[in-house]
PDB file of all heavy atoms in Angstrom:
ATOM      1  N   GLY A   1      -2.126  -4.712  29.871  1.00  0.00           N
ATOM      2  CA  GLY A   1      -1.892  -3.861  30.925  1.00  0.00           C
ATOM      3  C   GLY A   1      -0.855  -2.768  30.516  1.00  0.00           C
ATOM      4  O   GLY A   1      -0.275  -2.820  29.469  1.00  0.00           O
ATOM      5  N   LYS A   2      -0.567  -1.800  31.437  1.00  0.00           N
ATOM      6  CA  LYS A   2       0.324  -0.660  31.155  1.00  0.00           C
ATOM      7  C   LYS A   2       1.801  -1.209  31.084  1.00  0.00           C
ATOM      8  O   LYS A   2       2.035  -2.274  31.471  1.00  0.00           O
ATOM      9  CB  LYS A   2       0.187   0.363  32.144  1.00  0.00           C
ATOM     10  CG  LYS A   2      -1.162   1.101  32.117  1.00  0.00           C
ATOM     11  CD  LYS A   2      -1.153   2.361  33.053  1.00  0.00           C
ATOM     12  CE  LYS A   2      -2.336   3.170  32.962  1.00  0.00           C
ATOM     13  NZ  LYS A   2      -2.373   4.267  33.882  1.00  0.00           N
ATOM     14  N   GLY A   3       2.622  -0.437  30.455  1.00  0.00           N
ATOM     15  CA  GLY A   3       4.042  -0.738  30.271  1.00  0.00           C
ATOM     16  C   GLY A   3       4.843   0.421  29.879  1.00  0.00           C
ATOM     17  O   GLY A   3       4.346   1.538  29.836  1.00  0.00           O
ATOM     18  N   THR A   4       6.011   0.119  29.446  1.00  0.00           N
ATOM     19  CA  THR A   4       6.897   1.132  28.950  1.00  0.00           C
ATOM     20  C   THR A   4       6.505   1.626  27.578  1.00  0.00           C
ATOM     21  O   THR A   4       5.612   1.006  26.939  1.00  0.00           O
ATOM     22  CB  THR A   4       8.332   0.646  28.924  1.00  0.00           C
ATOM     23  OG1 THR A   4       8.505  -0.256  27.820  1.00  0.00           O
ATOM     24  CG2 THR A   4       8.756   0.054  30.217  1.00  0.00           C
ATOM     25  N   ALA A   5       7.087   2.661  27.042  1.00  0.00           N
ATOM     26  CA  ALA A   5       6.804   3.162  25.707  1.00  0.00           C
ATOM     27  C   ALA A   5       7.162   2.194  24.689  1.00  0.00           C
ATOM     28  O   ALA A   5       6.786   2.273  23.492  1.00  0.00           O
ATOM     29  CB  ALA A   5       7.554   4.543  25.443  1.00  0.00           C
ATOM     30  N   PHE A   6       8.032   1.182  24.991  1.00  0.00           N
ATOM     31  CA  PHE A   6       8.406   0.165  24.053  1.00  0.00           C
ATOM     32  C   PHE A   6       7.508  -1.115  24.056  1.00  0.00           C
ATOM     33  O   PHE A   6       7.749  -2.072  23.473  1.00  0.00           O
ATOM     34  CB  PHE A   6       9.798  -0.363  24.424  1.00  0.00           C
ATOM     35  CG  PHE A   6      10.856   0.617  24.011  1.00  0.00           C
ATOM     36  CD1 PHE A   6      11.559   1.362  24.914  1.00  0.00           C
ATOM     37  CD2 PHE A   6      11.223   0.775  22.652  1.00  0.00           C
ATOM     38  CE1 PHE A   6      12.503   2.290  24.704  1.00  0.00           C
ATOM     39  CE2 PHE A   6      12.222   1.713  22.309  1.00  0.00           C
ATOM     40  CZ  PHE A   6      12.870   2.480  23.365  1.00  0.00           C
ATOM     41  N   ARG A   7       6.301  -0.997  24.792  1.00  0.00           N
ATOM     42  CA  ARG A   7       5.482  -2.144  24.861  1.00  0.00           C
ATOM     43  C   ARG A   7       4.898  -2.627  23.478  1.00  0.00           C
ATOM     44  O   ARG A   7       4.587  -3.745  23.238  1.00  0.00           O
ATOM     45  CB  ARG A   7       4.331  -1.899  25.781  1.00  0.00           C
ATOM     46  CG  ARG A   7       3.348  -0.794  25.438  1.00  0.00           C
ATOM     47  CD  ARG A   7       2.293  -0.602  26.527  1.00  0.00           C
ATOM     48  NE  ARG A   7       1.382   0.529  26.307  1.00  0.00           N
ATOM     49  CZ  ARG A   7       1.740   1.766  26.571  1.00  0.00           C
ATOM     50  NH1 ARG A   7       2.818   2.004  27.214  1.00  0.00           N
ATOM     51  NH2 ARG A   7       0.855   2.744  26.359  1.00  0.00           N
ATOM     52  N   SER A   8       4.735  -1.575  22.521  1.00  0.00           N
ATOM     53  CA  SER A   8       4.445  -1.995  21.175  1.00  0.00           C
ATOM     54  C   SER A   8       5.333  -1.244  20.237  1.00  0.00           C
ATOM     55  O   SER A   8       5.391  -0.001  20.253  1.00  0.00           O
ATOM     56  CB  SER A   8       2.885  -1.695  20.882  1.00  0.00           C
ATOM     57  OG  SER A   8       2.563  -0.394  21.188  1.00  0.00           O
ATOM     58  N   VAL A   9       6.001  -1.967  19.350  1.00  0.00           N
ATOM     59  CA  VAL A   9       7.044  -1.415  18.440  1.00  0.00           C
ATOM     60  C   VAL A   9       6.843  -1.985  17.058  1.00  0.00           C
ATOM     61  O   VAL A   9       6.660  -3.199  16.858  1.00  0.00           O
ATOM     62  CB  VAL A   9       8.445  -1.786  18.970  1.00  0.00           C
ATOM     63  CG1 VAL A   9       9.504  -1.237  18.013  1.00  0.00           C
ATOM     64  CG2 VAL A   9       8.673  -1.298  20.425  1.00  0.00           C
ATOM     65  N   GLY A  10       6.894  -1.115  16.110  1.00  0.00           N
ATOM     66  CA  GLY A  10       6.923  -1.496  14.679  1.00  0.00           C
ATOM     67  C   GLY A  10       8.296  -1.197  14.107  1.00  0.00           C
ATOM     68  O   GLY A  10       8.762  -0.089  14.190  1.00  0.00           O
ATOM     69  N   ILE A  11       8.922  -2.227  13.628  1.00  0.00           N
ATOM     70  CA  ILE A  11      10.304  -1.998  13.030  1.00  0.00           C
ATOM     71  C   ILE A  11      10.040  -1.627  11.470  1.00  0.00           C
ATOM     72  O   ILE A  11       9.521  -2.352  10.655  1.00  0.00           O
ATOM     73  CB  ILE A  11      11.130  -3.276  12.996  1.00  0.00           C
ATOM     74  CG1 ILE A  11      11.221  -3.750  14.525  1.00  0.00           C
ATOM     75  CG2 ILE A  11      12.573  -2.987  12.470  1.00  0.00           C
ATOM     76  CD1 ILE A  11      11.860  -2.673  15.445  1.00  0.00           C
ATOM     77  N   GLY A  12      10.383  -0.389  11.149  1.00  0.00           N
ATOM     78  CA  GLY A  12      10.258   0.169   9.800  1.00  0.00           C
ATOM     79  C   GLY A  12       9.952   1.630   9.852  1.00  0.00           C
ATOM     80  O   GLY A  12       9.851   2.239  10.993  1.00  0.00           O
ATOM     81  N   SER A  13       9.885   2.231   8.725  1.00  0.00           N
ATOM     82  CA  SER A  13       9.783   3.713   8.667  1.00  0.00           C
ATOM     83  C   SER A  13       8.376   4.221   8.895  1.00  0.00           C
ATOM     84  O   SER A  13       8.105   5.353   9.284  1.00  0.00           O
ATOM     85  CB  SER A  13      10.280   4.218   7.289  1.00  0.00           C
ATOM     86  OG  SER A  13       9.523   3.558   6.225  1.00  0.00           O
ATOM     87  N   THR A  14       7.356   3.319   8.742  1.00  0.00           N
ATOM     88  CA  THR A  14       6.009   3.755   8.941  1.00  0.00           C
ATOM     89  C   THR A  14       5.335   2.711   9.871  1.00  0.00           C
ATOM     90  O   THR A  14       5.626   1.498   9.856  1.00  0.00           O
ATOM     91  CB  THR A  14       5.179   3.745   7.628  1.00  0.00           C
ATOM     92  OG1 THR A  14       5.213   2.476   7.047  1.00  0.00           O
ATOM     93  CG2 THR A  14       5.672   4.902   6.728  1.00  0.00           C
ATOM     94  N   LEU A  15       4.403   3.212  10.639  1.00  0.00           N
ATOM     95  CA  LEU A  15       3.643   2.327  11.631  1.00  0.00           C
ATOM     96  C   LEU A  15       2.656   1.418  10.873  1.00  0.00           C
ATOM     97  O   LEU A  15       1.826   1.953  10.109  1.00  0.00           O
ATOM     98  CB  LEU A  15       3.015   3.186  12.630  1.00  0.00           C
ATOM     99  CG  LEU A  15       2.426   2.486  13.903  1.00  0.00           C
ATOM    100  CD1 LEU A  15       3.646   1.968  14.760  1.00  0.00           C
ATOM    101  CD2 LEU A  15       1.501   3.378  14.714  1.00  0.00           C
ATOM    102  N   PRO A  16       2.783   0.110  11.115  1.00  0.00           N
ATOM    103  CA  PRO A  16       1.798  -0.736  10.355  1.00  0.00           C
ATOM    104  C   PRO A  16       0.330  -0.583  10.927  1.00  0.00           C
ATOM    105  O   PRO A  16       0.127  -0.168  12.085  1.00  0.00           O
ATOM    106  CB  PRO A  16       2.336  -2.153  10.683  1.00  0.00           C
ATOM    107  CG  PRO A  16       3.129  -2.055  11.899  1.00  0.00           C
ATOM    108  CD  PRO A  16       3.659  -0.643  11.907  1.00  0.00           C
ATOM    109  N   ARG A  17      -0.678  -0.948  10.098  1.00  0.00           N
ATOM    110  CA  ARG A  17      -2.066  -0.696  10.498  1.00  0.00           C
ATOM    111  C   ARG A  17      -2.361  -1.580  11.800  1.00  0.00           C
ATOM    112  O   ARG A  17      -3.175  -1.235  12.559  1.00  0.00           O
ATOM    113  CB  ARG A  17      -2.973  -1.210   9.436  1.00  0.00           C
ATOM    114  CG  ARG A  17      -2.842  -0.320   8.195  1.00  0.00           C
ATOM    115  CD  ARG A  17      -3.787   0.921   8.345  1.00  0.00           C
ATOM    116  NE  ARG A  17      -5.117   0.698   8.046  1.00  0.00           N
ATOM    117  CZ  ARG A  17      -6.192   1.463   8.147  1.00  0.00           C
ATOM    118  NH1 ARG A  17      -5.891   2.662   8.828  1.00  0.00           N
ATOM    119  NH2 ARG A  17      -7.425   1.144   7.791  1.00  0.00           N
ATOM    120  N   SER A  18      -1.673  -2.687  12.013  1.00  0.00           N
ATOM    121  CA  SER A  18      -1.958  -3.546  13.144  1.00  0.00           C
ATOM    122  C   SER A  18      -1.622  -2.786  14.480  1.00  0.00           C
ATOM    123  O   SER A  18      -2.197  -3.191  15.561  1.00  0.00           O
ATOM    124  CB  SER A  18      -1.131  -4.835  13.104  1.00  0.00           C
ATOM    125  OG  SER A  18       0.169  -4.595  13.091  1.00  0.00           O
ATOM    126  N   LEU A  19      -0.813  -1.751  14.543  1.00  0.00           N
ATOM    127  CA  LEU A  19      -0.476  -1.136  15.711  1.00  0.00           C
ATOM    128  C   LEU A  19      -1.088   0.281  15.868  1.00  0.00           C
ATOM    129  O   LEU A  19      -0.868   0.993  16.869  1.00  0.00           O
ATOM    130  CB  LEU A  19       1.044  -0.919  15.779  1.00  0.00           C
ATOM    131  CG  LEU A  19       1.901  -2.136  16.017  1.00  0.00           C
ATOM    132  CD1 LEU A  19       3.422  -1.927  16.003  1.00  0.00           C
ATOM    133  CD2 LEU A  19       1.590  -2.780  17.390  1.00  0.00           C
ATOM    134  N   VAL A  20      -1.873   0.683  14.854  1.00  0.00           N
ATOM    135  CA  VAL A  20      -2.530   1.956  14.907  1.00  0.00           C
ATOM    136  C   VAL A  20      -3.713   1.915  15.998  1.00  0.00           C
ATOM    137  O   VAL A  20      -4.466   0.930  15.993  1.00  0.00           O
ATOM    138  CB  VAL A  20      -3.080   2.304  13.573  1.00  0.00           C
ATOM    139  CG1 VAL A  20      -4.034   3.575  13.658  1.00  0.00           C
ATOM    140  CG2 VAL A  20      -1.995   2.586  12.563  1.00  0.00           C
ATOM    141  N   GLY A  21      -3.714   2.925  16.839  1.00  0.00           N
ATOM    142  CA  GLY A  21      -4.818   2.927  17.784  1.00  0.00           C
ATOM    143  C   GLY A  21      -4.490   3.978  18.893  1.00  0.00           C
ATOM    144  O   GLY A  21      -4.039   5.038  18.635  1.00  0.00           O
ATOM    145  N   VAL A  22      -4.762   3.529  20.163  1.00  0.00           N
ATOM    146  CA  VAL A  22      -4.707   4.431  21.318  1.00  0.00           C
ATOM    147  C   VAL A  22      -3.555   4.158  22.259  1.00  0.00           C
ATOM    148  O   VAL A  22      -3.369   4.933  23.203  1.00  0.00           O
ATOM    149  CB  VAL A  22      -6.075   4.342  22.089  1.00  0.00           C
ATOM    150  CG1 VAL A  22      -7.251   4.609  21.204  1.00  0.00           C
ATOM    151  CG2 VAL A  22      -6.113   2.920  22.754  1.00  0.00           C
ATOM    152  N   ASN A  23      -2.700   3.245  21.939  1.00  0.00           N
ATOM    153  CA  ASN A  23      -1.669   2.904  22.888  1.00  0.00           C
ATOM    154  C   ASN A  23      -0.222   3.414  22.584  1.00  0.00           C
ATOM    155  O   ASN A  23       0.688   2.962  23.248  1.00  0.00           O
ATOM    156  CB  ASN A  23      -1.612   1.335  23.105  1.00  0.00           C
ATOM    157  CG  ASN A  23      -2.751   0.829  23.894  1.00  0.00           C
ATOM    158  OD1 ASN A  23      -2.955   1.257  25.062  1.00  0.00           O
ATOM    159  ND2 ASN A  23      -3.680   0.056  23.334  1.00  0.00           N
ATOM    160  N   GLY A  24      -0.163   4.296  21.629  1.00  0.00           N
ATOM    161  CA  GLY A  24       1.134   4.996  21.417  1.00  0.00           C
ATOM    162  C   GLY A  24       2.236   4.055  21.004  1.00  0.00           C
ATOM    163  O   GLY A  24       3.362   4.200  21.708  1.00  0.00           O
ATOM    164  N   ALA A  25       2.074   3.281  19.944  1.00  0.00           N
ATOM    165  CA  ALA A  25       3.196   2.438  19.508  1.00  0.00           C
ATOM    166  C   ALA A  25       4.343   3.269  18.890  1.00  0.00           C
ATOM    167  O   ALA A  25       4.087   4.403  18.314  1.00  0.00           O
ATOM    168  CB  ALA A  25       2.644   1.426  18.442  1.00  0.00           C
ATOM    169  N   LEU A  26       5.536   2.718  18.925  1.00  0.00           N
ATOM    170  CA  LEU A  26       6.684   3.375  18.323  1.00  0.00           C
ATOM    171  C   LEU A  26       6.963   2.714  16.999  1.00  0.00           C
ATOM    172  O   LEU A  26       6.851   1.524  16.838  1.00  0.00           O
ATOM    173  CB  LEU A  26       7.943   3.231  19.232  1.00  0.00           C
ATOM    174  CG  LEU A  26       7.948   3.929  20.582  1.00  0.00           C
ATOM    175  CD1 LEU A  26       9.184   3.595  21.419  1.00  0.00           C
ATOM    176  CD2 LEU A  26       7.911   5.488  20.390  1.00  0.00           C
ATOM    177  N   SER A  27       7.478   3.544  16.036  1.00  0.00           N
ATOM    178  CA  SER A  27       7.926   3.123  14.736  1.00  0.00           C
ATOM    179  C   SER A  27       9.304   3.472  14.559  1.00  0.00           C
ATOM    180  O   SER A  27       9.651   4.734  14.654  1.00  0.00           O
ATOM    181  CB  SER A  27       6.956   3.598  13.677  1.00  0.00           C
ATOM    182  OG  SER A  27       7.440   3.201  12.344  1.00  0.00           O
ATOM    183  N   LEU A  28      10.184   2.626  14.320  1.00  0.00           N
ATOM    184  CA  LEU A  28      11.636   2.953  14.140  1.00  0.00           C
ATOM    185  C   LEU A  28      12.377   1.887  13.263  1.00  0.00           C
ATOM    186  O   LEU A  28      12.031   0.774  13.212  1.00  0.00           O
ATOM    187  CB  LEU A  28      12.350   3.055  15.522  1.00  0.00           C
ATOM    188  CG  LEU A  28      12.131   1.858  16.496  1.00  0.00           C
ATOM    189  CD1 LEU A  28      13.307   0.881  16.311  1.00  0.00           C
ATOM    190  CD2 LEU A  28      12.206   2.336  17.914  1.00  0.00           C
ATOM    191  N   ASN A  29      13.393   2.440  12.556  1.00  0.00           N
ATOM    192  CA  ASN A  29      14.136   1.596  11.732  1.00  0.00           C
ATOM    193  C   ASN A  29      15.345   0.941  12.527  1.00  0.00           C
ATOM    194  O   ASN A  29      15.705  -0.156  12.189  1.00  0.00           O
ATOM    195  CB  ASN A  29      14.775   2.405  10.574  1.00  0.00           C
ATOM    196  CG  ASN A  29      13.758   2.686   9.446  1.00  0.00           C
ATOM    197  OD1 ASN A  29      13.049   1.747   9.026  1.00  0.00           O
ATOM    198  ND2 ASN A  29      13.585   3.871   9.005  1.00  0.00           N
ATOM    199  N   SER A  30      15.774   1.673  13.535  1.00  0.00           N
ATOM    200  CA  SER A  30      16.807   1.178  14.369  1.00  0.00           C
ATOM    201  C   SER A  30      16.733   1.849  15.709  1.00  0.00           C
ATOM    202  O   SER A  30      16.171   2.940  15.887  1.00  0.00           O
ATOM    203  CB  SER A  30      18.269   1.394  13.765  1.00  0.00           C
ATOM    204  OG  SER A  30      18.513   2.811  13.790  1.00  0.00           O
ATOM    205  N   VAL A  31      17.261   1.172  16.700  1.00  0.00           N
ATOM    206  CA  VAL A  31      17.204   1.732  18.096  1.00  0.00           C
ATOM    207  C   VAL A  31      17.846   3.101  18.128  1.00  0.00           C
ATOM    208  O   VAL A  31      17.414   4.005  18.856  1.00  0.00           O
ATOM    209  CB  VAL A  31      17.925   0.747  19.093  1.00  0.00           C
ATOM    210  CG1 VAL A  31      17.971   1.350  20.473  1.00  0.00           C
ATOM    211  CG2 VAL A  31      17.150  -0.561  19.059  1.00  0.00           C
TER     212      VAL A  31
END
């Protein structure tokens, strides 16, 4: 279901392939 922009997060400088798609995952090294 829908959620905040933090519903899918990759910790690191690049977004991992597992999060690539249509739901707008965030990629970040730190908050």
